[in-house]
Protein backbone atom coordinates (compact mmCIF):
# COMPACT_ATOMS: atom_id res chain seq x y z
CA MET A 1 72.25 118.21 134.42
CA GLU A 2 74.76 118.42 131.63
CA ASN A 3 74.39 116.04 128.74
CA VAL A 4 76.69 113.11 128.18
CA GLU A 5 78.60 114.72 125.31
CA GLU A 6 79.49 117.76 127.42
CA LEU A 7 80.68 115.50 130.24
CA ARG A 8 82.81 113.48 127.83
CA ALA A 9 84.31 116.67 126.39
CA LYS A 10 85.18 117.89 129.90
CA LEU A 11 86.70 114.51 130.68
CA VAL A 12 88.95 114.69 127.61
CA ILE A 13 90.08 118.22 128.49
CA LEU A 14 90.80 117.35 132.13
CA THR A 15 92.65 114.17 131.16
CA GLN A 16 94.86 116.10 128.75
CA GLU A 17 95.56 118.77 131.36
CA HIS A 18 96.46 116.02 133.85
CA ARG A 19 98.95 114.53 131.36
CA ASP A 20 100.40 117.97 130.61
CA LEU A 21 100.94 118.63 134.31
CA ASP A 22 102.65 115.27 134.67
CA SER A 23 105.05 116.19 131.88
CA ALA A 24 105.63 119.67 133.33
CA ILE A 25 106.41 118.24 136.77
CA ALA A 26 108.84 115.72 135.32
CA ALA A 27 110.61 118.39 133.26
CA LEU A 28 110.80 120.73 136.23
CA ILE A 29 112.32 118.06 138.47
CA LYS A 30 114.91 117.19 135.81
CA SER A 31 116.11 120.79 135.67
CA ALA A 32 119.26 121.64 137.61
CA SER A 33 117.53 123.89 140.11
CA TYR A 34 113.82 123.86 140.66
CA ASP A 35 111.42 125.39 143.10
CA GLN A 36 110.06 122.72 145.43
CA LEU A 37 107.06 124.89 146.25
CA GLN A 38 106.17 125.15 142.57
CA VAL A 39 106.41 121.37 142.21
CA GLN A 40 104.13 120.90 145.22
CA ARG A 41 101.57 123.31 143.75
CA LEU A 42 101.62 121.49 140.42
CA LYS A 43 101.20 118.15 142.16
CA LYS A 44 98.29 119.51 144.18
CA ARG A 45 96.64 120.78 140.99
CA LYS A 46 97.26 117.39 139.37
CA LEU A 47 95.60 115.61 142.31
CA HIS A 48 92.62 117.98 142.10
CA LEU A 49 92.29 117.20 138.39
CA LYS A 50 92.42 113.48 139.13
CA ASP A 51 89.57 113.88 141.62
CA MET A 52 87.51 115.78 139.05
CA ILE A 53 88.26 113.12 136.42
CA THR A 54 87.14 110.38 138.80
CA LYS A 55 83.86 112.19 139.53
CA LEU A 56 83.14 112.63 135.83
CA GLU A 57 83.95 108.98 135.13
CA ASP A 58 81.59 107.95 137.92
CA LEU A 59 78.81 110.03 136.33
CA LEU A 60 79.47 108.65 132.87
CA TYR A 61 80.17 105.04 133.80
CA PRO A 62 78.33 104.15 137.01
CA ASP A 63 79.09 100.86 138.72
CA ILE A 64 76.07 98.66 138.25
CA ILE A 65 76.14 95.48 140.25
CA ALA A 66 74.13 92.75 138.55
């Protein structure tokens, strides 16, 4: 299993990529003519990143019920 520092580094990278995609999608939609298929692909990638981020967060910060 990967160590905690590697997981945290991955989490930071994925979170930044997620934010970048959000900005790219917003900019693309604001443009006069945009490709709906491209927007859908970016949104799908963004959702995949969110799932990966959630899995990493679950590994790093497990829910412990007292």
